[in-house]
Amino acid sequence: MARPHGILRAGFPYLTTLGMRRVTNFPTDVAFGEDNKLFILMRSEGAATIRIWSVDDMEQLTDELEGFGSYGSEDGQFVWPVSMINGPDGDLFISDEWNHRITRLNQKGEFVSKFGVQGDGDGEFDGPSGFAFDPDGNIVVTDSKNHRIQRYSLDGKYLGGFGTFGSGEGEFNLPWGLDVDENGDIYVVDWGNHRVQVFDTDGNFKNSFGEHGNGEGQFERPTGVTVDAHGDVYVSDWGNNRVLQFNAEGQYIWSFNGDATLSKVARNYMLTNAVSNRLRETGRIEHERYLRRPRSVRIDSEFRLFIPDYESYRIQVYQKDFIELDETQYSAPLRNPTLEVT
């Protein structure tokens, strides 16, 4: 999908909240399936699993909630899963920073393959985290504790890498999230340096944006990143409890701080729990809407933005509202740009 000449930004309204405590505990990432199916990757001390949910949410809890995966180091198990993405054929790929590997499962949860061992040599990992497919179908991975980026074929063959420890251009301090756009450019969340770095497909530095702080366009330990079909970049600003949106040039656009409402499944659960309703009435309900330690951020083909709200055990969803513009509707760059809103 080619990017439009420009877009008219019409807003980014809150859409819905998915999940609830006990059934979508500590969501760290999401991936998409057919027919509005949503795969939710969850991790906590002594537990790791993938819950099958729906973008339309669940009306009520059932005795047998769908899902797969378990805690451990055997094939198909996880200890500290970080990121999850869809492969070219719909299979799910999951990074595990404790087991130092990438695991591939089909959408039924059946083990397909894995690659990676602990170490600091070529093709080895020390805490792999964010990863994405490039336009050639290869896998680009942040090797976090080795402070570098590595590239692999679909079957796990090492193809090369770049990066070293530091704070200069092309250097990293615990890189975390990663995404690749349709041009092959690589976006890396540089966790310890509080920034996002952008590289071309060969690993050459292009630019960076962000700095340490809590103001507009600033980060406190950012984690996840995703790039949409317009080139907009979304970053989960973990330490500031928010998600920030930037345009393709790295200019700050928008901040998502949380607008959660009770999900369908949470409402129906509460209707059967009189004590919980009484206790909730005595709490500070206003604070329930805010994000708490978002670990990642994803956007689907319909421009719905999914934010795993890690410490609130839910997914907050927003809808990008826009009009795509052609060359007659969007001028060339201005020498002295100003925008006055009346």
C-alpha atoms as a PDB file:
ATOM      1  CA  MET A   1       0.000   0.000   0.000  1.00  0.00           C
ATOM      2  CA  ALA A   2       1.551   3.282  -1.158  1.00  0.00           C
ATOM      3  CA  ARG A   3       1.409   6.220   1.211  1.00  0.00           C
ATOM      4  CA  PRO A   4      -0.953   9.052   0.251  1.00  0.00           C
ATOM      5  CA  HIS A   5       0.400  12.457  -0.709  1.00  0.00           C
ATOM      6  CA  GLY A   6      -0.823  13.699   2.668  1.00  0.00           C
ATOM      7  CA  ILE A   7      -3.598  13.190   5.208  1.00  0.00           C
ATOM      8  CA  LEU A   8      -6.161  15.436   6.853  1.00  0.00           C
ATOM      9  CA  ARG A   9      -6.096  14.497  10.532  1.00  0.00           C
ATOM     10  CA  ALA A  10      -9.672  14.508  11.854  1.00  0.00           C
ATOM     11  CA  GLY A  11      -8.991  13.114  15.341  1.00  0.00           C
ATOM     12  CA  PHE A  12      -8.255   9.839  17.085  1.00  0.00           C
ATOM     13  CA  PRO A  13     -11.316   8.973  19.196  1.00  0.00           C
ATOM     14  CA  TYR A  14     -11.409   6.299  21.857  1.00  0.00           C
ATOM     15  CA  LEU A  15     -13.275   3.249  20.603  1.00  0.00           C
ATOM     16  CA  THR A  16     -13.567   0.564  23.283  1.00  0.00           C
ATOM     17  CA  THR A  17     -11.910  -1.461  26.041  1.00  0.00           C
ATOM     18  CA  LEU A  18     -11.330  -5.216  25.791  1.00  0.00           C
ATOM     19  CA  GLY A  19     -10.779  -7.798  28.521  1.00  0.00           C
ATOM     20  CA  MET A  20     -10.620  -7.628  32.295  1.00  0.00           C
ATOM     21  CA  ARG A  21      -8.595  -8.718  35.294  1.00  0.00           C
ATOM     22  CA  ARG A  22      -8.099 -12.480  35.778  1.00  0.00           C
ATOM     23  CA  VAL A  23      -8.696 -13.335  32.112  1.00  0.00           C
ATOM     24  CA  THR A  24      -6.419 -10.894  30.267  1.00  0.00           C
ATOM     25  CA  ASN A  25      -3.835 -10.482  33.031  1.00  0.00           C
ATOM     26  CA  PHE A  26      -0.729  -8.421  32.267  1.00  0.00           C
ATOM     27  CA  PRO A  27      -1.122  -8.155  28.470  1.00  0.00           C
ATOM     28  CA  THR A  28       2.226  -7.411  26.868  1.00  0.00           C
ATOM     29  CA  ASP A  29       1.364  -7.571  23.148  1.00  0.00           C
ATOM     30  CA  VAL A  30      -1.379  -8.394  20.644  1.00  0.00           C
ATOM     31  CA  ALA A  31      -1.543  -9.907  17.170  1.00  0.00           C
ATOM     32  CA  PHE A  32      -4.425 -10.126  14.720  1.00  0.00           C
ATOM     33  CA  GLY A  33      -6.306 -13.057  13.214  1.00  0.00           C
ATOM     34  CA  GLU A  34      -9.204 -13.490  10.825  1.00  0.00           C
ATOM     35  CA  ASP A  35     -12.798 -12.469  11.605  1.00  0.00           C
ATOM     36  CA  ASN A  36     -11.822  -9.879  14.251  1.00  0.00           C
ATOM     37  CA  LYS A  37      -9.882 -12.469  16.223  1.00  0.00           C
ATOM     38  CA  LEU A  38      -7.312 -11.022  18.602  1.00  0.00           C
ATOM     39  CA  PHE A  39      -4.390 -12.920  20.129  1.00  0.00           C
ATOM     40  CA  ILE A  40      -3.317 -11.450  23.484  1.00  0.00           C
ATOM     41  CA  LEU A  41       0.148 -12.314  24.796  1.00  0.00           C
ATOM     42  CA  MET A  42       0.226 -12.293  28.604  1.00  0.00           C
ATOM     43  CA  ARG A  43       3.130 -12.638  31.024  1.00  0.00           C
ATOM     44  CA  SER A  44       3.594 -12.465  34.764  1.00  0.00           C
ATOM     45  CA  GLU A  45       5.689 -14.176  37.407  1.00  0.00           C
ATOM     46  CA  GLY A  46       5.295 -17.907  36.856  1.00  0.00           C
ATOM     47  CA  ALA A  47       2.727 -17.566  34.049  1.00  0.00           C
ATOM     48  CA  ALA A  48       2.843 -17.065  30.291  1.00  0.00           C
ATOM     49  CA  THR A  49       0.043 -17.714  27.824  1.00  0.00           C
ATOM     50  CA  ILE A  50      -1.764 -16.487  24.724  1.00  0.00           C
ATOM     51  CA  ARG A  51      -5.463 -15.715  25.099  1.00  0.00           C
ATOM     52  CA  ILE A  52      -7.761 -15.809  22.060  1.00  0.00           C
ATOM     53  CA  TRP A  53     -10.144 -12.876  22.297  1.00  0.00           C
ATOM     54  CA  SER A  54     -12.317 -10.866  19.933  1.00  0.00           C
ATOM     55  CA  VAL A  55     -12.118  -7.258  18.799  1.00  0.00           C
ATOM     56  CA  ASP A  56     -15.871  -7.251  19.479  1.00  0.00           C
ATOM     57  CA  ASP A  57     -15.053  -8.321  23.077  1.00  0.00           C
ATOM     58  CA  MET A  58     -16.826 -11.116  24.939  1.00  0.00           C
ATOM     59  CA  GLU A  59     -20.327 -10.768  26.284  1.00  0.00           C
ATOM     60  CA  GLN A  60     -19.726 -13.104  29.181  1.00  0.00           C
ATOM     61  CA  LEU A  61     -17.103 -15.380  30.673  1.00  0.00           C
ATOM     62  CA  THR A  62     -17.229 -19.087  29.920  1.00  0.00           C
ATOM     63  CA  ASP A  63     -15.759 -22.034  31.776  1.00  0.00           C
ATOM     64  CA  GLU A  64     -13.398 -22.764  28.893  1.00  0.00           C
ATOM     65  CA  LEU A  65     -11.733 -19.583  27.690  1.00  0.00           C
ATOM     66  CA  GLU A  66      -9.809 -20.111  24.470  1.00  0.00           C
ATOM     67  CA  GLY A  67      -6.048 -19.874  24.513  1.00  0.00           C
ATOM     68  CA  PHE A  68      -2.789 -21.778  24.436  1.00  0.00           C
ATOM     69  CA  GLY A  69       0.791 -21.722  25.610  1.00  0.00           C
ATOM     70  CA  SER A  70       2.233 -22.364  29.053  1.00  0.00           C
ATOM     71  CA  TYR A  71       5.098 -21.421  31.331  1.00  0.00           C
ATOM     72  CA  GLY A  72       8.388 -23.234  30.791  1.00  0.00           C
ATOM     73  CA  SER A  73      11.312 -23.897  28.459  1.00  0.00           C
ATOM     74  CA  GLU A  74      10.009 -26.826  26.429  1.00  0.00           C
ATOM     75  CA  ASP A  75       9.010 -26.402  22.786  1.00  0.00           C
ATOM     76  CA  GLY A  76       5.979 -24.121  22.560  1.00  0.00           C
ATOM     77  CA  GLN A  77       6.412 -22.793  26.111  1.00  0.00           C
ATOM     78  CA  PHE A  78       7.482 -19.348  27.328  1.00  0.00           C
ATOM     79  CA  VAL A  79       8.964 -17.790  30.452  1.00  0.00           C
ATOM     80  CA  TRP A  80       9.281 -14.072  29.668  1.00  0.00           C
ATOM     81  CA  PRO A  81       7.569 -13.523  26.288  1.00  0.00           C
ATOM     82  CA  VAL A  82       7.883  -9.947  25.023  1.00  0.00           C
ATOM     83  CA  SER A  83       6.544  -9.482  21.488  1.00  0.00           C
ATOM     84  CA  MET A  84       4.230 -11.346  19.149  1.00  0.00           C
ATOM     85  CA  ILE A  85       3.707 -10.807  15.412  1.00  0.00           C
ATOM     86  CA  ASN A  86       1.912 -12.510  12.544  1.00  0.00           C
ATOM     87  CA  GLY A  87       4.042 -14.292   9.986  1.00  0.00           C
ATOM     88  CA  PRO A  88       3.437 -14.249   6.237  1.00  0.00           C
ATOM     89  CA  ASP A  89       1.237 -17.365   6.442  1.00  0.00           C
ATOM     90  CA  GLY A  90      -0.613 -16.302   9.604  1.00  0.00           C
ATOM     91  CA  ASP A  91       1.577 -18.216  12.051  1.00  0.00           C
ATOM     92  CA  LEU A  92       2.424 -16.480  15.316  1.00  0.00           C
ATOM     93  CA  PHE A  93       6.038 -15.636  16.170  1.00  0.00           C
ATOM     94  CA  ILE A  94       6.863 -14.872  19.824  1.00  0.00           C
ATOM     95  CA  SER A  95      10.098 -13.584  21.349  1.00  0.00           C
ATOM     96  CA  ASP A  96      11.138 -14.900  24.766  1.00  0.00           C
ATOM     97  CA  GLU A  97      13.835 -12.920  26.563  1.00  0.00           C
ATOM     98  CA  TRP A  98      14.361 -15.587  29.246  1.00  0.00           C
ATOM     99  CA  ASN A  99      14.680 -18.532  26.839  1.00  0.00           C
ATOM    100  CA  HIS A 100      16.658 -16.380  24.362  1.00  0.00           C
ATOM    101  CA  ARG A 101      14.703 -17.498  21.335  1.00  0.00           C
ATOM    102  CA  ILE A 102      11.952 -16.850  18.808  1.00  0.00           C
ATOM    103  CA  THR A 103       9.167 -19.454  18.795  1.00  0.00           C
ATOM    104  CA  ARG A 104       6.772 -20.088  15.918  1.00  0.00           C
ATOM    105  CA  LEU A 105       3.260 -21.463  16.525  1.00  0.00           C
ATOM    106  CA  ASN A 106       0.311 -21.907  14.207  1.00  0.00           C
ATOM    107  CA  GLN A 107      -2.965 -20.209  15.114  1.00  0.00           C
ATOM    108  CA  LYS A 108      -4.124 -23.339  16.909  1.00  0.00           C
ATOM    109  CA  GLY A 109      -1.164 -23.005  19.249  1.00  0.00           C
ATOM    110  CA  GLU A 110       0.730 -25.969  17.821  1.00  0.00           C
ATOM    111  CA  PHE A 111       4.523 -25.728  17.884  1.00  0.00           C
ATOM    112  CA  VAL A 112       6.141 -25.254  14.463  1.00  0.00           C
ATOM    113  CA  SER A 113       9.763 -24.233  15.047  1.00  0.00           C
ATOM    114  CA  LYS A 114      12.175 -22.081  17.067  1.00  0.00           C
ATOM    115  CA  PHE A 115      15.582 -20.483  16.717  1.00  0.00           C
ATOM    116  CA  GLY A 116      18.101 -18.796  18.976  1.00  0.00           C
ATOM    117  CA  VAL A 117      20.431 -19.686  21.849  1.00  0.00           C
ATOM    118  CA  GLN A 118      21.995 -17.566  24.568  1.00  0.00           C
ATOM    119  CA  GLY A 119      25.271 -15.833  23.770  1.00  0.00           C
ATOM    120  CA  ASP A 120      26.850 -12.767  22.201  1.00  0.00           C
ATOM    121  CA  GLY A 121      28.076 -14.242  18.933  1.00  0.00           C
ATOM    122  CA  ASP A 122      26.474 -13.987  15.496  1.00  0.00           C
ATOM    123  CA  GLY A 123      23.065 -15.611  15.581  1.00  0.00           C
ATOM    124  CA  GLU A 124      22.928 -15.713  19.380  1.00  0.00           C
ATOM    125  CA  PHE A 125      20.677 -13.747  21.750  1.00  0.00           C
ATOM    126  CA  ASP A 126      20.780 -12.183  25.161  1.00  0.00           C
ATOM    127  CA  GLY A 127      17.190 -11.152  25.814  1.00  0.00           C
ATOM    128  CA  PRO A 128      15.513 -10.774  22.394  1.00  0.00           C
ATOM    129  CA  SER A 129      12.499  -8.478  22.569  1.00  0.00           C
ATOM    130  CA  GLY A 130      10.873  -6.517  19.723  1.00  0.00           C
ATOM    131  CA  PHE A 131      10.960  -7.818  16.160  1.00  0.00           C
ATOM    132  CA  ALA A 132       9.255  -7.468  12.798  1.00  0.00           C
ATOM    133  CA  PHE A 133       9.310  -8.791   9.243  1.00  0.00           C
ATOM    134  CA  ASP A 134      11.047  -6.737   6.563  1.00  0.00           C
ATOM    135  CA  PRO A 135       9.653  -6.422   2.993  1.00  0.00           C
ATOM    136  CA  ASP A 136      11.730  -9.462   1.926  1.00  0.00           C
ATOM    137  CA  GLY A 137      10.134 -11.659   4.579  1.00  0.00           C
ATOM    138  CA  ASN A 138      13.175 -11.747   6.862  1.00  0.00           C
ATOM    139  CA  ILE A 139      12.968 -11.219  10.626  1.00  0.00           C
ATOM    140  CA  VAL A 140      14.642  -8.182  12.226  1.00  0.00           C
ATOM    141  CA  VAL A 141      15.152  -8.582  16.002  1.00  0.00           C
ATOM    142  CA  THR A 142      16.301  -6.358  18.858  1.00  0.00           C
ATOM    143  CA  ASP A 143      18.931  -8.343  20.764  1.00  0.00           C
ATOM    144  CA  SER A 144      18.440  -6.193  23.844  1.00  0.00           C
ATOM    145  CA  LYS A 145      21.218  -7.073  26.284  1.00  0.00           C
ATOM    146  CA  ASN A 146      23.742  -7.372  23.452  1.00  0.00           C
ATOM    147  CA  HIS A 147      22.721  -3.830  22.413  1.00  0.00           C
ATOM    148  CA  ARG A 148      22.312  -4.665  18.742  1.00  0.00           C
ATOM    149  CA  ILE A 149      19.903  -5.546  15.926  1.00  0.00           C
ATOM    150  CA  GLN A 150      20.041  -8.889  14.111  1.00  0.00           C
ATOM    151  CA  ARG A 151      18.387 -10.166  10.940  1.00  0.00           C
ATOM    152  CA  TYR A 152      17.314 -13.748  10.236  1.00  0.00           C
ATOM    153  CA  SER A 153      15.610 -15.655   7.456  1.00  0.00           C
ATOM    154  CA  LEU A 154      12.174 -17.097   8.068  1.00  0.00           C
ATOM    155  CA  ASP A 155      13.739 -20.440   9.020  1.00  0.00           C
ATOM    156  CA  GLY A 156      16.143 -18.837  11.514  1.00  0.00           C
ATOM    157  CA  LYS A 157      19.344 -18.503   9.467  1.00  0.00           C
ATOM    158  CA  TYR A 158      21.498 -15.569  10.643  1.00  0.00           C
ATOM    159  CA  LEU A 159      21.843 -12.904   7.918  1.00  0.00           C
ATOM    160  CA  GLY A 160      23.677 -10.050   9.640  1.00  0.00           C
ATOM    161  CA  GLY A 161      23.291  -7.285  12.172  1.00  0.00           C
ATOM    162  CA  PHE A 162      24.373  -3.857  13.363  1.00  0.00           C
ATOM    163  CA  GLY A 163      24.726  -1.758  16.505  1.00  0.00           C
ATOM    164  CA  THR A 164      26.802  -1.626  19.663  1.00  0.00           C
ATOM    165  CA  PHE A 165      26.493  -0.244  23.196  1.00  0.00           C
ATOM    166  CA  GLY A 166      26.492   3.530  23.589  1.00  0.00           C
ATOM    167  CA  SER A 167      24.481   6.715  23.171  1.00  0.00           C
ATOM    168  CA  GLY A 168      25.700   7.960  19.799  1.00  0.00           C
ATOM    169  CA  GLU A 169      24.066   7.543  16.395  1.00  0.00           C
ATOM    170  CA  GLY A 170      23.572   3.857  15.684  1.00  0.00           C
ATOM    171  CA  GLU A 171      24.433   2.890  19.251  1.00  0.00           C
ATOM    172  CA  PHE A 172      21.986   1.398  21.753  1.00  0.00           C
ATOM    173  CA  ASN A 173      21.336   1.010  25.450  1.00  0.00           C
ATOM    174  CA  LEU A 174      18.978  -1.960  25.804  1.00  0.00           C
ATOM    175  CA  PRO A 175      16.968  -1.599  22.578  1.00  0.00           C
ATOM    176  CA  TRP A 176      13.428  -2.917  23.083  1.00  0.00           C
ATOM    177  CA  GLY A 177      10.630  -2.421  20.546  1.00  0.00           C
ATOM    178  CA  LEU A 178      11.106  -2.588  16.770  1.00  0.00           C
ATOM    179  CA  ASP A 179       9.062  -2.190  13.612  1.00  0.00           C
ATOM    180  CA  VAL A 180       9.818  -2.123   9.883  1.00  0.00           C
ATOM    181  CA  ASP A 181       7.828   0.021   7.436  1.00  0.00           C
ATOM    182  CA  GLU A 182       6.870  -0.822   3.859  1.00  0.00           C
ATOM    183  CA  ASN A 183      10.090   0.774   2.552  1.00  0.00           C
ATOM    184  CA  GLY A 184      12.258  -1.410   4.740  1.00  0.00           C
ATOM    185  CA  ASP A 185      13.199   1.343   7.189  1.00  0.00           C
ATOM    186  CA  ILE A 186      13.805  -0.008  10.706  1.00  0.00           C
ATOM    187  CA  TYR A 187      12.439   1.813  13.773  1.00  0.00           C
ATOM    188  CA  VAL A 188      14.143   0.882  17.044  1.00  0.00           C
ATOM    189  CA  VAL A 189      13.027   1.937  20.520  1.00  0.00           C
ATOM    190  CA  ASP A 190      16.266   2.698  22.373  1.00  0.00           C
ATOM    191  CA  TRP A 191      15.000   2.071  25.911  1.00  0.00           C
ATOM    192  CA  GLY A 192      17.977   3.254  27.931  1.00  0.00           C
ATOM    193  CA  ASN A 193      18.610   6.313  25.731  1.00  0.00           C
ATOM    194  CA  HIS A 194      14.933   7.415  25.782  1.00  0.00           C
ATOM    195  CA  ARG A 195      14.605   7.759  22.009  1.00  0.00           C
ATOM    196  CA  VAL A 196      13.617   6.117  18.735  1.00  0.00           C
ATOM    197  CA  GLN A 197      16.283   5.575  16.091  1.00  0.00           C
ATOM    198  CA  VAL A 198      15.503   5.031  12.409  1.00  0.00           C
ATOM    199  CA  PHE A 199      17.726   3.072  10.003  1.00  0.00           C
ATOM    200  CA  ASP A 200      17.503   2.123   6.349  1.00  0.00           C
ATOM    201  CA  THR A 201      17.152  -1.517   5.370  1.00  0.00           C
ATOM    202  CA  ASP A 202      20.936  -1.983   5.431  1.00  0.00           C
ATOM    203  CA  GLY A 203      21.251  -0.661   8.978  1.00  0.00           C
ATOM    204  CA  ASN A 204      22.536   2.804   8.086  1.00  0.00           C
ATOM    205  CA  PHE A 205      21.452   5.508  10.533  1.00  0.00           C
ATOM    206  CA  LYS A 206      18.851   7.952   9.152  1.00  0.00           C
ATOM    207  CA  ASN A 207      17.531   9.961  12.087  1.00  0.00           C
ATOM    208  CA  SER A 208      16.287   9.814  15.660  1.00  0.00           C
ATOM    209  CA  PHE A 209      13.659  11.559  17.767  1.00  0.00           C
ATOM    210  CA  GLY A 210      12.780  11.818  21.431  1.00  0.00           C
ATOM    211  CA  GLU A 211      14.695  12.665  24.576  1.00  0.00           C
ATOM    212  CA  HIS A 212      14.426  12.016  28.300  1.00  0.00           C
ATOM    213  CA  GLY A 213      11.511  13.743  30.035  1.00  0.00           C
ATOM    214  CA  ASN A 214       7.737  13.828  30.398  1.00  0.00           C
ATOM    215  CA  GLY A 215       6.854  16.673  28.037  1.00  0.00           C
ATOM    216  CA  GLU A 216       5.582  16.546  24.466  1.00  0.00           C
ATOM    217  CA  GLY A 217       7.699  14.190  22.386  1.00  0.00           C
ATOM    218  CA  GLN A 218       9.793  13.101  25.375  1.00  0.00           C
ATOM    219  CA  PHE A 219      10.174   9.584  26.791  1.00  0.00           C
ATOM    220  CA  GLU A 220      10.712   7.786  30.068  1.00  0.00           C
ATOM    221  CA  ARG A 221      11.882   4.255  29.194  1.00  0.00           C
ATOM    222  CA  PRO A 222       9.934   3.716  25.950  1.00  0.00           C
ATOM    223  CA  THR A 223       9.149   0.115  25.034  1.00  0.00           C
ATOM    224  CA  GLY A 224       7.042  -0.647  21.931  1.00  0.00           C
ATOM    225  CA  VAL A 225       6.714   0.944  18.496  1.00  0.00           C
ATOM    226  CA  THR A 226       4.506   0.495  15.449  1.00  0.00           C
ATOM    227  CA  VAL A 227       4.306   2.322  12.116  1.00  0.00           C
ATOM    228  CA  ASP A 228       1.049   2.675  10.178  1.00  0.00           C
ATOM    229  CA  ALA A 229       0.440   2.833   6.425  1.00  0.00           C
ATOM    230  CA  HIS A 230       0.649   6.658   6.483  1.00  0.00           C
ATOM    231  CA  GLY A 231       4.101   6.585   8.053  1.00  0.00           C
ATOM    232  CA  ASP A 232       2.858   7.714  11.471  1.00  0.00           C
ATOM    233  CA  VAL A 233       4.866   6.257  14.356  1.00  0.00           C
ATOM    234  CA  TYR A 234       3.340   5.201  17.704  1.00  0.00           C
ATOM    235  CA  VAL A 235       5.542   4.633  20.745  1.00  0.00           C
ATOM    236  CA  SER A 236       4.525   3.176  24.109  1.00  0.00           C
ATOM    237  CA  ASP A 237       6.080   5.570  26.630  1.00  0.00           C
ATOM    238  CA  TRP A 238       6.165   3.028  29.461  1.00  0.00           C
ATOM    239  CA  GLY A 239       7.554   5.206  32.241  1.00  0.00           C
ATOM    240  CA  ASN A 240       5.148   8.080  31.519  1.00  0.00           C
ATOM    241  CA  ASN A 241       2.073   5.811  31.253  1.00  0.00           C
ATOM    242  CA  ARG A 242       1.111   6.919  27.760  1.00  0.00           C
ATOM    243  CA  VAL A 243       1.488   6.326  24.025  1.00  0.00           C
ATOM    244  CA  LEU A 244       2.865   9.057  21.779  1.00  0.00           C
ATOM    245  CA  GLN A 245       2.166   9.557  18.079  1.00  0.00           C
ATOM    246  CA  PHE A 246       4.661  11.112  15.633  1.00  0.00           C
ATOM    247  CA  ASN A 247       4.524  11.776  11.912  1.00  0.00           C
ATOM    248  CA  ALA A 248       6.952  10.260   9.407  1.00  0.00           C
ATOM    249  CA  GLU A 249       9.481  13.050  10.071  1.00  0.00           C
ATOM    250  CA  GLY A 250       9.469  12.403  13.817  1.00  0.00           C
ATOM    251  CA  GLN A 251       7.332  15.434  14.682  1.00  0.00           C
ATOM    252  CA  TYR A 252       5.153  14.977  17.763  1.00  0.00           C
ATOM    253  CA  ILE A 253       1.418  14.766  16.959  1.00  0.00           C
ATOM    254  CA  TRP A 254      -0.674  13.279  19.751  1.00  0.00           C
ATOM    255  CA  SER A 255      -0.657  11.730  23.208  1.00  0.00           C
ATOM    256  CA  PHE A 256      -2.851   8.852  24.396  1.00  0.00           C
ATOM    257  CA  ASN A 257      -3.159   8.799  28.189  1.00  0.00           C
ATOM    258  CA  GLY A 258      -6.122   6.452  28.542  1.00  0.00           C
ATOM    259  CA  ASP A 259      -9.900   6.679  28.249  1.00  0.00           C
ATOM    260  CA  ALA A 260     -10.927   3.212  29.403  1.00  0.00           C
ATOM    261  CA  THR A 261     -14.496   2.260  30.128  1.00  0.00           C
ATOM    262  CA  LEU A 262     -15.732  -1.063  31.482  1.00  0.00           C
ATOM    263  CA  SER A 263     -15.555  -3.703  28.773  1.00  0.00           C
ATOM    264  CA  LYS A 264     -18.593  -5.800  27.892  1.00  0.00           C
ATOM    265  CA  VAL A 265     -17.251  -8.784  29.738  1.00  0.00           C
ATOM    266  CA  ALA A 266     -16.372  -6.706  32.806  1.00  0.00           C
ATOM    267  CA  ARG A 267     -19.866  -5.182  32.936  1.00  0.00           C
ATOM    268  CA  ASN A 268     -21.555  -8.565  32.850  1.00  0.00           C
ATOM    269  CA  TYR A 269     -19.167  -9.904  35.471  1.00  0.00           C
ATOM    270  CA  MET A 270     -19.861  -6.949  37.784  1.00  0.00           C
ATOM    271  CA  LEU A 271     -23.629  -7.447  37.478  1.00  0.00           C
ATOM    272  CA  THR A 272     -23.250 -10.769  39.276  1.00  0.00           C
ATOM    273  CA  ASN A 273     -21.012  -9.432  42.087  1.00  0.00           C
ATOM    274  CA  ALA A 274     -22.824  -7.170  44.529  1.00  0.00           C
ATOM    275  CA  VAL A 275     -19.833  -6.776  46.881  1.00  0.00           C
ATOM    276  CA  SER A 276     -17.522  -5.750  44.039  1.00  0.00           C
ATOM    277  CA  ASN A 277     -20.024  -3.117  42.936  1.00  0.00           C
ATOM    278  CA  ARG A 278     -20.176  -1.641  46.435  1.00  0.00           C
ATOM    279  CA  LEU A 279     -16.371  -1.558  46.735  1.00  0.00           C
ATOM    280  CA  ARG A 280     -15.994   0.046  43.325  1.00  0.00           C
ATOM    281  CA  GLU A 281     -18.349   2.848  44.314  1.00  0.00           C
ATOM    282  CA  THR A 282     -16.035   3.798  47.181  1.00  0.00           C
ATOM    283  CA  GLY A 283     -12.932   4.008  44.971  1.00  0.00           C
ATOM    284  CA  ARG A 284     -11.457   6.708  42.728  1.00  0.00           C
ATOM    285  CA  ILE A 285     -13.176   5.744  39.501  1.00  0.00           C
ATOM    286  CA  GLU A 286     -11.726   8.656  37.501  1.00  0.00           C
ATOM    287  CA  HIS A 287      -8.244   7.126  37.690  1.00  0.00           C
ATOM    288  CA  GLU A 288      -9.448   3.853  36.190  1.00  0.00           C
ATOM    289  CA  ARG A 289      -9.394   5.301  32.688  1.00  0.00           C
ATOM    290  CA  TYR A 290      -5.666   6.024  32.551  1.00  0.00           C
ATOM    291  CA  LEU A 291      -3.019   3.787  31.015  1.00  0.00           C
ATOM    292  CA  ARG A 292      -0.690   1.992  33.422  1.00  0.00           C
ATOM    293  CA  ARG A 293       2.668   0.835  32.052  1.00  0.00           C
ATOM    294  CA  PRO A 294       1.775   0.124  28.412  1.00  0.00           C
ATOM    295  CA  ARG A 295       4.321  -2.380  27.066  1.00  0.00           C
ATOM    296  CA  SER A 296       3.521  -2.217  23.353  1.00  0.00           C
ATOM    297  CA  VAL A 297       1.234  -0.693  20.735  1.00  0.00           C
ATOM    298  CA  ARG A 298      -0.220  -2.131  17.506  1.00  0.00           C
ATOM    299  CA  ILE A 299      -2.364  -0.811  14.656  1.00  0.00           C
ATOM    300  CA  ASP A 300      -4.435  -2.981  12.325  1.00  0.00           C
ATOM    301  CA  SER A 301      -5.419  -2.627   8.670  1.00  0.00           C
ATOM    302  CA  GLU A 302      -8.506  -0.618   9.654  1.00  0.00           C
ATOM    303  CA  PHE A 303      -6.356   1.916  11.550  1.00  0.00           C
ATOM    304  CA  ARG A 304      -7.578   0.763  14.939  1.00  0.00           C
ATOM    305  CA  LEU A 305      -4.896   1.369  17.551  1.00  0.00           C
ATOM    306  CA  PHE A 306      -4.548  -1.323  20.241  1.00  0.00           C
ATOM    307  CA  ILE A 307      -2.741  -0.458  23.479  1.00  0.00           C
ATOM    308  CA  PRO A 308      -2.044  -3.351  25.888  1.00  0.00           C
ATOM    309  CA  ASP A 309      -2.701  -1.671  29.250  1.00  0.00           C
ATOM    310  CA  TYR A 310      -0.309  -3.925  31.153  1.00  0.00           C
ATOM    311  CA  GLU A 311      -0.995  -3.147  34.802  1.00  0.00           C
ATOM    312  CA  SER A 312      -4.747  -2.652  34.261  1.00  0.00           C
ATOM    313  CA  TYR A 313      -5.210  -6.081  32.607  1.00  0.00           C
ATOM    314  CA  ARG A 314      -6.999  -4.819  29.485  1.00  0.00           C
ATOM    315  CA  ILE A 315      -6.619  -3.497  25.937  1.00  0.00           C
ATOM    316  CA  GLN A 316      -7.622   0.076  25.104  1.00  0.00           C
ATOM    317  CA  VAL A 317      -8.622   0.663  21.479  1.00  0.00           C
ATOM    318  CA  TYR A 318      -8.729   3.895  19.459  1.00  0.00           C
ATOM    319  CA  GLN A 319      -9.808   4.649  15.879  1.00  0.00           C
ATOM    320  CA  LYS A 320      -7.753   6.885  13.601  1.00  0.00           C
ATOM    321  CA  ASP A 321     -10.006   9.364  11.775  1.00  0.00           C
ATOM    322  CA  PHE A 322      -8.523  10.853   8.601  1.00  0.00           C
ATOM    323  CA  ILE A 323      -8.988  11.746   4.940  1.00  0.00           C
ATOM    324  CA  GLU A 324      -6.260  10.842   2.462  1.00  0.00           C
ATOM    325  CA  LEU A 325      -5.196  13.778   0.279  1.00  0.00           C
ATOM    326  CA  ASP A 326      -3.818  13.975  -3.264  1.00  0.00           C
ATOM    327  CA  GLU A 327      -1.282  16.467  -4.613  1.00  0.00           C
ATOM    328  CA  THR A 328      -3.972  19.094  -5.330  1.00  0.00           C
ATOM    329  CA  GLN A 329      -5.087  19.028  -1.683  1.00  0.00           C
ATOM    330  CA  TYR A 330      -1.700  19.072   0.051  1.00  0.00           C
ATOM    331  CA  SER A 331       0.960  21.676  -0.729  1.00  0.00           C
ATOM    332  CA  ALA A 332       4.710  21.309  -0.921  1.00  0.00           C
ATOM    333  CA  PRO A 333       6.671  22.061   2.286  1.00  0.00           C
ATOM    334  CA  LEU A 334       6.369  25.709   3.359  1.00  0.00           C
ATOM    335  CA  ARG A 335       9.372  27.914   4.102  1.00  0.00           C
ATOM    336  CA  ASN A 336       7.816  29.467   7.219  1.00  0.00           C
ATOM    337  CA  PRO A 337       4.962  27.164   8.261  1.00  0.00           C
ATOM    338  CA  THR A 338       2.362  28.371  10.740  1.00  0.00           C
ATOM    339  CA  LEU A 339      -1.036  27.028  11.692  1.00  0.00           C
ATOM    340  CA  GLU A 340      -3.558  29.263  13.401  1.00  0.00           C
ATOM    341  CA  VAL A 341      -6.573  27.515  14.871  1.00  0.00           C
ATOM    342  CA  THR A 342      -9.682  29.661  15.352  1.00  0.00           C
END
